[in-house]
């Protein structure tokens, strides 16, 4: 299977849907009701910040706050129903695809949001590149069941969709956007509705010969598949909400996902790791300077940056004998990945930290990871991004990377358009 290849007529099948969107007059601002994807929100501080930004912020749907999982999911369903009854959210009058644009500084990203028909994994139409954890899948599945909605689009990457690109460019040139807002991270968002039958047919025909890579949303994709399997064929559960971006025109950024270990102090972590890695305390300096040192060390092999005590320690030059114990049954390219070494050697063996939410938190933002570790008196393990070519090579071979290995972006903002399965 060739990554981003042509699949005859059995490729991506993207269909219009009636988007659920905020009614502008019913909220303080569109920016104030948006949120990063659920797994990017730093909890609890980031969650509280979003909840107080506007009483109708979408974080109340994607990360409802209650004492138990069942109560959280019921609360999200009640909140969604109430907002629809009150006119805070409303469904667009006719099914549409949505052209979505993000501008982050000089980085422009454009794509199409729609309901994608789910395909069996062995067909190779949608390619995952990371392993997933059962806990988040169960949680997202229960939330989707309770709300009967896809509240956030996945980010999928494909290449060379010339006809789709022409439709996108024509839509932007000829139509006023449905919405335009700038979120507090500085990213400008614009959304257009695409309802012209000829344009929808052109997009469908173009995508029908292509495959895509999951750039962000592996757990939600696995959730879509679980829920599809639990329902009879021919229902709205056969589709899932996605954003498709042509990375030949709009290359994605690839960043690392860091780990915060709240119950492991930096002193304990450093004492335990000295037999497995060379450990160097970096001179006092900024986070940017420490990350530069990590990037330099990563050229020669696995390297990590530890933080949490006000300074930075660089781990590099791992003991070859200890490395040899990492997942001997996996391909060499997988075993050399920083995430594989981190989990297989450091977390499992050296530190003996269980992979559960109490012991490991996955944080996308570097400064947030350091701040959270210092706040909790724990340890932040900062990682260098995986090279995109490594991701592609493993995906070609059907090899999934360790979970939470990469962060592609910019990610679509949650809250701009949602999909109700009761309307499809």
Protein backbone atom coordinates (compact mmCIF):
# COMPACT_ATOMS: atom_id res chain seq x y z
CA UNK A 1 0.00 0.00 0.00
CA UNK A 2 1.45 3.38 -0.98
CA UNK A 3 0.77 6.19 1.47
CA UNK A 4 -1.58 8.81 0.00
CA UNK A 5 -2.06 6.51 -2.98
CA UNK A 6 -4.93 6.00 -5.41
CA UNK A 7 -7.47 3.33 -4.50
CA UNK A 8 -9.66 3.13 -7.56
CA UNK A 9 -13.26 3.89 -6.68
CA UNK A 10 -13.03 2.56 -3.12
CA UNK A 11 -11.35 5.48 -1.39
CA UNK A 12 -12.65 8.25 0.84
CA UNK A 13 -16.42 8.82 0.82
CA UNK A 14 -17.20 12.26 2.26
CA UNK A 15 -20.84 13.30 2.54
CA UNK A 16 -22.66 16.52 3.52
CA UNK A 17 -24.44 16.87 6.85
CA UNK A 18 -26.52 19.51 8.65
CA UNK A 19 -23.97 21.17 10.87
CA UNK A 20 -24.81 22.22 14.41
CA UNK A 21 -23.40 25.70 14.97
CA UNK A 22 -23.59 28.40 17.61
CA UNK A 23 -26.12 31.15 16.96
CA UNK A 24 -23.98 34.27 16.98
CA UNK A 25 -26.56 36.43 18.75
CA UNK A 26 -26.88 33.97 21.65
CA UNK A 27 -23.22 33.89 22.75
CA UNK A 28 -20.69 36.49 23.83
CA UNK A 29 -18.38 35.77 20.90
CA UNK A 30 -17.57 32.80 18.71
CA UNK A 31 -14.00 32.78 19.98
CA UNK A 32 -15.22 32.53 23.58
CA UNK A 33 -17.24 29.36 22.93
CA UNK A 34 -14.50 27.42 21.14
CA UNK A 35 -11.99 25.04 22.70
CA UNK A 36 -8.93 23.03 21.70
CA UNK A 37 -9.67 19.32 21.19
CA UNK A 38 -10.59 17.50 24.40
CA UNK A 39 -7.19 15.81 24.77
CA UNK A 40 -5.29 19.09 24.37
CA UNK A 41 -7.10 20.96 27.15
CA UNK A 42 -4.83 21.14 30.20
CA UNK A 43 -6.97 20.10 33.16
CA UNK A 44 -8.11 21.46 35.51
CA UNK A 45 -6.81 25.00 34.97
CA UNK A 46 -7.36 25.15 31.23
CA UNK A 47 -10.80 23.59 31.59
CA UNK A 48 -11.83 26.18 34.20
CA UNK A 49 -10.49 28.97 32.01
CA UNK A 50 -12.65 27.82 29.10
CA UNK A 51 -15.73 27.31 31.27
CA UNK A 52 -15.48 30.87 32.55
CA UNK A 53 -14.79 32.37 29.11
CA UNK A 54 -18.46 31.92 28.21
CA UNK A 55 -21.25 29.91 29.90
CA UNK A 56 -21.82 28.15 26.59
CA UNK A 57 -18.23 27.16 25.86
CA UNK A 58 -18.09 23.82 24.05
CA UNK A 59 -15.77 22.42 26.73
CA UNK A 60 -18.97 21.82 28.74
CA UNK A 61 -19.90 19.28 26.07
CA UNK A 62 -16.55 17.67 25.31
CA UNK A 63 -15.26 17.64 28.93
CA UNK A 64 -18.32 17.84 31.18
CA UNK A 65 -17.59 18.15 34.87
CA UNK A 66 -19.29 15.70 37.27
CA UNK A 67 -18.41 13.12 39.91
CA UNK A 68 -18.55 9.98 37.75
CA UNK A 69 -18.16 9.14 34.05
CA UNK A 70 -21.85 8.28 33.78
CA UNK A 71 -22.85 11.57 35.36
CA UNK A 72 -20.49 13.49 33.07
CA UNK A 73 -21.97 11.96 29.94
CA UNK A 74 -25.56 12.52 31.08
CA UNK A 75 -24.69 16.11 31.91
CA UNK A 76 -23.25 16.68 28.42
CA UNK A 77 -26.40 15.24 26.83
CA UNK A 78 -28.64 17.48 28.95
CA UNK A 79 -26.51 20.52 28.17
CA UNK A 80 -26.62 19.84 24.43
CA UNK A 81 -30.39 19.36 24.50
CA UNK A 82 -30.89 22.54 26.54
CA UNK A 83 -28.71 24.64 24.22
CA UNK A 84 -30.69 23.39 21.22
CA UNK A 85 -34.00 24.16 22.95
CA UNK A 86 -32.80 27.64 23.93
CA UNK A 87 -31.50 28.42 20.45
CA UNK A 88 -27.86 28.67 21.53
CA UNK A 89 -27.09 25.98 18.95
CA UNK A 90 -29.02 25.41 15.73
CA UNK A 91 -28.76 23.05 12.78
CA UNK A 92 -28.05 24.51 9.37
CA UNK A 93 -31.12 24.32 7.10
CA UNK A 94 -29.63 21.94 4.53
CA UNK A 95 -26.82 19.38 4.38
CA UNK A 96 -23.43 20.84 3.48
CA UNK A 97 -19.73 20.25 3.36
CA UNK A 98 -17.78 22.97 5.13
CA UNK A 99 -14.64 24.68 3.86
CA UNK A 100 -12.47 25.49 6.87
CA UNK A 101 -9.48 27.83 6.97
CA UNK A 102 -6.97 28.42 9.76
CA UNK A 103 -4.25 31.08 9.68
CA UNK A 104 -1.60 30.82 12.38
CA UNK A 105 0.95 33.55 11.78
CA UNK A 106 2.15 32.81 8.26
CA UNK A 107 0.97 29.19 8.35
CA UNK A 108 -2.18 28.75 6.24
CA UNK A 109 -4.27 25.59 6.39
CA UNK A 110 -7.43 24.86 4.42
CA UNK A 111 -9.58 21.76 4.23
CA UNK A 112 -13.06 20.30 3.98
CA UNK A 113 -15.22 19.13 6.90
CA UNK A 114 -17.78 16.42 6.25
CA UNK A 115 -19.20 13.11 7.44
CA UNK A 116 -16.80 10.37 6.32
CA UNK A 117 -18.06 6.84 5.69
CA UNK A 118 -16.17 4.49 8.00
CA UNK A 119 -14.16 1.78 6.28
CA UNK A 120 -12.83 -1.54 7.62
CA UNK A 121 -9.22 -1.25 8.84
CA UNK A 122 -7.97 -3.88 6.39
CA UNK A 123 -9.05 -1.80 3.39
CA UNK A 124 -6.29 0.74 4.01
CA UNK A 125 -8.45 3.76 3.22
CA UNK A 126 -7.81 5.54 6.51
CA UNK A 127 -4.37 4.79 7.97
CA UNK A 128 -3.64 5.13 11.69
CA UNK A 129 -0.06 5.72 12.79
CA UNK A 130 -0.39 5.51 16.59
CA UNK A 131 -1.55 2.95 19.10
CA UNK A 132 -4.56 3.82 21.25
CA UNK A 133 -5.60 3.29 24.87
CA UNK A 134 -8.87 1.57 25.85
CA UNK A 135 -9.80 4.14 28.52
CA UNK A 136 -10.20 7.19 26.25
CA UNK A 137 -12.04 5.08 23.64
CA UNK A 138 -14.56 3.90 26.23
CA UNK A 139 -15.01 7.45 27.52
CA UNK A 140 -15.50 9.00 24.07
CA UNK A 141 -17.85 6.19 23.06
CA UNK A 142 -20.04 6.74 26.11
CA UNK A 143 -20.07 10.50 25.45
CA UNK A 144 -21.03 10.04 21.78
CA UNK A 145 -23.77 7.58 22.73
CA UNK A 146 -25.20 9.93 25.35
CA UNK A 147 -25.16 13.01 23.11
CA UNK A 148 -25.80 11.19 19.79
CA UNK A 149 -23.32 13.62 18.31
CA UNK A 150 -19.83 13.99 16.88
CA UNK A 151 -18.73 17.06 18.82
CA UNK A 152 -15.22 17.46 17.32
CA UNK A 153 -13.82 16.71 13.86
CA UNK A 154 -10.79 14.46 13.44
CA UNK A 155 -7.87 15.78 11.38
CA UNK A 156 -7.05 13.60 8.36
CA UNK A 157 -4.28 14.23 5.83
CA UNK A 158 -4.38 13.33 2.15
CA UNK A 159 -2.53 14.57 -0.95
CA UNK A 160 -3.03 15.99 -4.43
CA UNK A 161 -6.78 16.57 -4.47
CA UNK A 162 -6.76 18.98 -7.40
CA UNK A 163 -10.52 19.11 -7.95
CA UNK A 164 -11.17 19.62 -4.24
CA UNK A 165 -8.60 22.41 -4.17
CA UNK A 166 -10.38 24.20 -7.00
CA UNK A 167 -13.70 23.92 -5.17
CA UNK A 168 -12.15 25.30 -1.98
CA UNK A 169 -10.54 28.24 -3.78
CA UNK A 170 -13.71 29.07 -5.70
CA UNK A 171 -15.82 28.90 -2.54
CA UNK A 172 -13.50 31.29 -0.69
CA UNK A 173 -13.36 33.68 -3.63
CA UNK A 174 -17.10 33.79 -4.31
CA UNK A 175 -18.81 33.43 -0.92
CA UNK A 176 -18.86 35.29 2.37
CA UNK A 177 -17.85 33.03 5.25
CA UNK A 178 -20.44 31.72 7.66
CA UNK A 179 -18.17 32.80 10.48
CA UNK A 180 -14.81 34.40 11.11
CA UNK A 181 -13.12 34.60 14.49
CA UNK A 182 -9.71 34.76 16.10
CA UNK A 183 -9.15 32.54 19.12
CA UNK A 184 -6.98 33.57 22.05
CA UNK A 185 -4.05 31.55 20.71
CA UNK A 186 -3.93 34.02 17.80
CA UNK A 187 -5.24 31.62 15.15
CA UNK A 188 -7.80 33.06 12.72
CA UNK A 189 -10.64 30.71 11.77
CA UNK A 190 -13.07 31.04 8.85
CA UNK A 191 -15.82 28.64 7.78
CA UNK A 192 -17.87 28.45 4.56
CA UNK A 193 -20.89 26.30 3.69
CA UNK A 194 -20.67 24.25 0.51
CA UNK A 195 -24.12 23.22 -0.72
CA UNK A 196 -23.81 23.45 -4.52
CA UNK A 197 -24.58 19.94 -5.83
CA UNK A 198 -22.02 20.13 -8.64
CA UNK A 199 -19.26 21.18 -6.24
CA UNK A 200 -20.17 18.40 -3.79
CA UNK A 201 -20.09 15.84 -6.61
CA UNK A 202 -16.67 17.14 -7.72
CA UNK A 203 -15.26 16.80 -4.20
CA UNK A 204 -16.76 13.33 -3.78
CA UNK A 205 -15.32 12.11 -7.08
CA UNK A 206 -11.90 13.53 -6.26
CA UNK A 207 -11.71 11.97 -2.80
CA UNK A 208 -13.17 8.62 -3.88
CA UNK A 209 -9.78 7.56 -5.27
CA UNK A 210 -7.69 8.58 -2.28
CA UNK A 211 -6.62 7.39 1.14
CA UNK A 212 -5.78 9.44 4.22
CA UNK A 213 -3.56 9.35 7.28
CA UNK A 214 -5.03 10.10 10.72
CA UNK A 215 -3.10 13.19 11.75
CA UNK A 216 -5.03 13.83 14.95
CA UNK A 217 -7.86 11.89 16.57
CA UNK A 218 -6.81 8.23 16.75
CA UNK A 219 -8.97 7.58 19.81
CA UNK A 220 -12.00 9.23 18.26
CA UNK A 221 -11.51 7.22 15.05
CA UNK A 222 -11.36 4.01 17.08
CA UNK A 223 -14.48 5.23 18.89
CA UNK A 224 -16.29 5.76 15.59
CA UNK A 225 -15.45 2.19 14.61
CA UNK A 226 -16.58 0.75 17.95
CA UNK A 227 -19.92 2.54 17.76
CA UNK A 228 -20.42 1.54 14.14
CA UNK A 229 -19.91 -2.11 15.08
CA UNK A 230 -22.48 -1.75 17.86
CA UNK A 231 -25.25 -0.58 15.49
CA UNK A 232 -27.01 -2.11 12.54
CA UNK A 233 -25.60 -1.16 9.11
CA UNK A 234 -27.18 1.71 7.26
CA UNK A 235 -27.40 4.21 10.14
CA UNK A 236 -25.76 7.55 10.93
CA UNK A 237 -23.21 5.60 13.01
CA UNK A 238 -21.61 4.47 9.73
CA UNK A 239 -20.11 7.97 9.42
CA UNK A 240 -17.84 10.18 11.50
CA UNK A 241 -17.02 13.88 11.50
CA UNK A 242 -13.62 14.71 9.95
CA UNK A 243 -11.55 17.55 8.54
CA UNK A 244 -9.60 16.54 5.43
CA UNK A 245 -6.49 18.61 4.61
CA UNK A 246 -4.44 18.26 1.42
CA UNK A 247 -0.92 18.34 2.83
CA UNK A 248 0.65 18.71 -0.61
CA UNK A 249 -0.76 22.25 -0.54
CA UNK A 250 -0.99 22.85 3.20
CA UNK A 251 1.75 20.94 5.06
CA UNK A 252 0.95 20.13 8.66
CA UNK A 253 3.24 20.89 11.55
CA UNK A 254 4.55 17.94 13.53
CA UNK A 255 5.19 18.50 17.23
CA UNK A 256 5.91 16.31 20.23
CA UNK A 257 3.49 15.31 22.97
CA UNK A 258 5.10 15.57 26.39
CA UNK A 259 4.52 13.55 29.56
CA UNK A 260 3.96 14.88 33.06
CA UNK A 261 4.46 12.38 35.90
CA UNK A 262 2.69 14.01 38.87
CA UNK A 263 3.69 11.38 41.45
CA UNK A 264 7.38 11.15 40.50
CA UNK A 265 9.64 13.90 41.85
CA UNK A 266 12.51 15.15 39.66
CA UNK A 267 15.05 14.09 42.30
CA UNK A 268 13.72 10.52 42.37
CA UNK A 269 13.56 10.39 38.57
CA UNK A 270 17.14 11.59 38.18
CA UNK A 271 18.56 9.23 40.82
CA UNK A 272 16.95 6.22 39.15
CA UNK A 273 17.92 7.05 35.57
CA UNK A 274 21.67 7.52 35.89
CA UNK A 275 22.41 3.86 35.16
CA UNK A 276 20.46 3.98 31.91
CA UNK A 277 21.28 7.41 30.43
CA UNK A 278 23.93 10.05 30.59
CA UNK A 279 22.47 12.85 32.75
CA UNK A 280 23.57 16.49 32.43
CA UNK A 281 22.20 19.49 34.23
CA UNK A 282 21.86 22.33 31.74
CA UNK A 283 23.13 25.82 32.61
CA UNK A 284 20.43 28.24 33.82
CA UNK A 285 18.53 29.53 30.82
CA UNK A 286 15.22 29.69 29.03
CA UNK A 287 12.95 26.86 27.98
CA UNK A 288 13.80 27.64 24.36
CA UNK A 289 17.52 27.19 25.05
CA UNK A 290 16.86 23.88 26.79
CA UNK A 291 14.79 22.67 23.84
CA UNK A 292 17.62 23.64 21.49
CA UNK A 293 19.95 21.45 23.54
CA UNK A 294 17.43 18.60 23.31
CA UNK A 295 17.21 19.01 19.52
CA UNK A 296 20.99 18.85 19.21
CA UNK A 297 21.22 15.73 21.38
CA UNK A 298 18.38 14.04 19.47
CA UNK A 299 20.41 14.04 16.27
CA UNK A 300 22.62 11.27 17.68
CA UNK A 301 19.92 9.12 19.26
CA UNK A 302 17.26 9.01 21.95
CA UNK A 303 17.23 12.05 24.23
CA UNK A 304 14.82 13.59 26.73
CA UNK A 305 14.59 16.74 28.79
CA UNK A 306 13.49 16.50 32.43
CA UNK A 307 11.91 19.48 34.17
CA UNK A 308 9.86 20.24 37.26
CA UNK A 309 12.37 21.49 39.82
CA UNK A 310 13.01 24.88 38.25
CA UNK A 311 15.85 23.66 36.03
CA UNK A 312 16.45 21.29 33.13
CA UNK A 313 18.32 18.00 32.91
CA UNK A 314 19.24 16.42 29.58
CA UNK A 315 19.14 12.63 29.22
CA UNK A 316 21.05 11.24 26.23
CA UNK A 317 23.42 8.42 25.19
CA UNK A 318 21.30 5.56 26.56
CA UNK A 319 23.02 2.34 27.57
CA UNK A 320 22.90 0.04 24.49
CA UNK A 321 22.34 -3.02 26.66
CA UNK A 322 19.30 -1.40 28.28
CA UNK A 323 17.99 -0.30 24.87
CA UNK A 324 18.15 -3.89 23.65
CA UNK A 325 15.46 -4.82 26.16
CA UNK A 326 12.85 -2.54 24.56
CA UNK A 327 10.14 -4.48 22.70
CA UNK A 328 12.41 -7.02 21.05
CA UNK A 329 9.48 -8.33 18.97
CA UNK A 330 8.93 -4.95 17.26
CA UNK A 331 10.64 -3.64 14.08
CA UNK A 332 13.89 -1.75 14.62
CA UNK A 333 12.40 1.51 13.32
CA UNK A 334 9.71 1.30 16.00
CA UNK A 335 12.13 0.37 18.79
CA UNK A 336 14.30 3.41 18.03
CA UNK A 337 11.45 5.87 18.51
CA UNK A 338 11.73 8.16 21.53
CA UNK A 339 8.21 7.23 22.68
CA UNK A 340 9.07 3.52 22.53
CA UNK A 341 12.22 4.05 24.59
CA UNK A 342 10.44 6.34 27.02
CA UNK A 343 7.68 3.84 27.74
CA UNK A 344 9.57 0.57 27.28
CA UNK A 345 12.69 1.55 29.19
CA UNK A 346 12.13 4.61 31.38
CA UNK A 347 8.49 4.39 32.44
CA UNK A 348 8.12 0.61 32.58
CA UNK A 349 11.57 -0.42 33.79
CA UNK A 350 13.53 2.42 35.36
CA UNK A 351 10.74 4.45 36.98
CA UNK A 352 8.01 1.76 37.06
CA UNK A 353 5.25 4.30 36.38
CA UNK A 354 1.88 2.80 35.37
CA UNK A 355 0.34 4.14 32.17
CA UNK A 356 -2.88 5.52 33.64
CA UNK A 357 -4.22 9.06 34.10
CA UNK A 358 -3.23 9.20 37.78
CA UNK A 359 0.42 8.62 36.94
CA UNK A 360 0.90 10.04 33.42
CA UNK A 361 -0.62 13.12 31.84
CA UNK A 362 -0.11 13.82 28.14
CA UNK A 363 0.46 17.52 27.46
CA UNK A 364 0.88 19.07 24.00
CA UNK A 365 2.16 22.49 25.04
CA UNK A 366 5.77 22.55 26.28
CA UNK A 367 5.47 25.46 28.68
CA UNK A 368 2.22 24.04 30.05
CA UNK A 369 3.92 20.70 30.72
CA UNK A 370 6.73 22.38 32.67
CA UNK A 371 4.28 24.56 34.60
CA UNK A 372 2.04 21.63 35.50
CA UNK A 373 5.00 19.54 36.70
CA UNK A 374 6.23 22.36 38.92
CA UNK A 375 2.72 22.96 40.26
CA UNK A 376 2.28 19.26 41.14
CA UNK A 377 5.91 18.81 42.31
CA UNK A 378 6.23 16.12 39.65
CA UNK A 379 8.41 15.52 36.62
CA UNK A 380 7.91 16.70 33.06
CA UNK A 381 9.50 14.59 30.33
CA UNK A 382 9.91 16.79 27.27
CA UNK A 383 10.35 15.12 23.90
CA UNK A 384 11.72 16.13 20.51
CA UNK A 385 9.25 15.87 17.59
CA UNK A 386 9.34 12.77 15.41
CA UNK A 387 10.44 13.46 11.85
CA UNK A 388 7.44 13.34 9.52
CA UNK A 389 9.20 10.95 7.15
CA UNK A 390 9.50 8.41 9.96
CA UNK A 391 5.75 8.63 10.50
CA UNK A 392 5.12 8.08 6.80
CA UNK A 393 7.53 5.17 6.51
CA UNK A 394 5.92 3.34 9.42
CA UNK A 395 2.42 4.05 8.11
CA UNK A 396 3.39 2.57 4.74
CA UNK A 397 4.37 -0.63 6.52
CA UNK A 398 1.16 -0.72 8.55
CA UNK A 399 3.14 -0.21 11.77
CA UNK A 400 1.49 1.95 14.42
CA UNK A 401 3.70 4.11 16.60
CA UNK A 402 3.48 4.16 20.40
CA UNK A 403 0.44 6.12 21.53
CA UNK A 404 0.77 9.88 21.87
CA UNK A 405 3.96 9.96 19.78
CA UNK A 406 3.11 12.94 17.60
CA UNK A 407 1.00 16.06 17.47
CA UNK A 408 0.00 17.24 14.00
CA UNK A 409 -1.52 20.67 13.58
CA UNK A 410 -2.92 23.20 13.56
CA UNK A 411 -5.81 21.20 14.97
CA UNK A 412 -9.39 22.18 14.15
CA UNK A 413 -11.01 24.25 16.88
CA UNK A 414 -13.83 22.48 18.68
CA UNK A 415 -17.18 24.27 18.65
CA UNK A 416 -17.23 25.77 15.16
CA UNK A 417 -19.34 23.00 13.64
CA UNK A 418 -20.70 19.76 15.15
CA UNK A 419 -22.70 16.83 13.79
CA UNK A 420 -25.91 15.48 15.31
CA UNK A 421 -26.48 11.83 14.43
CA UNK A 422 -30.20 12.38 15.00
CA UNK A 423 -30.34 14.69 11.96
CA UNK A 424 -28.57 12.37 9.49
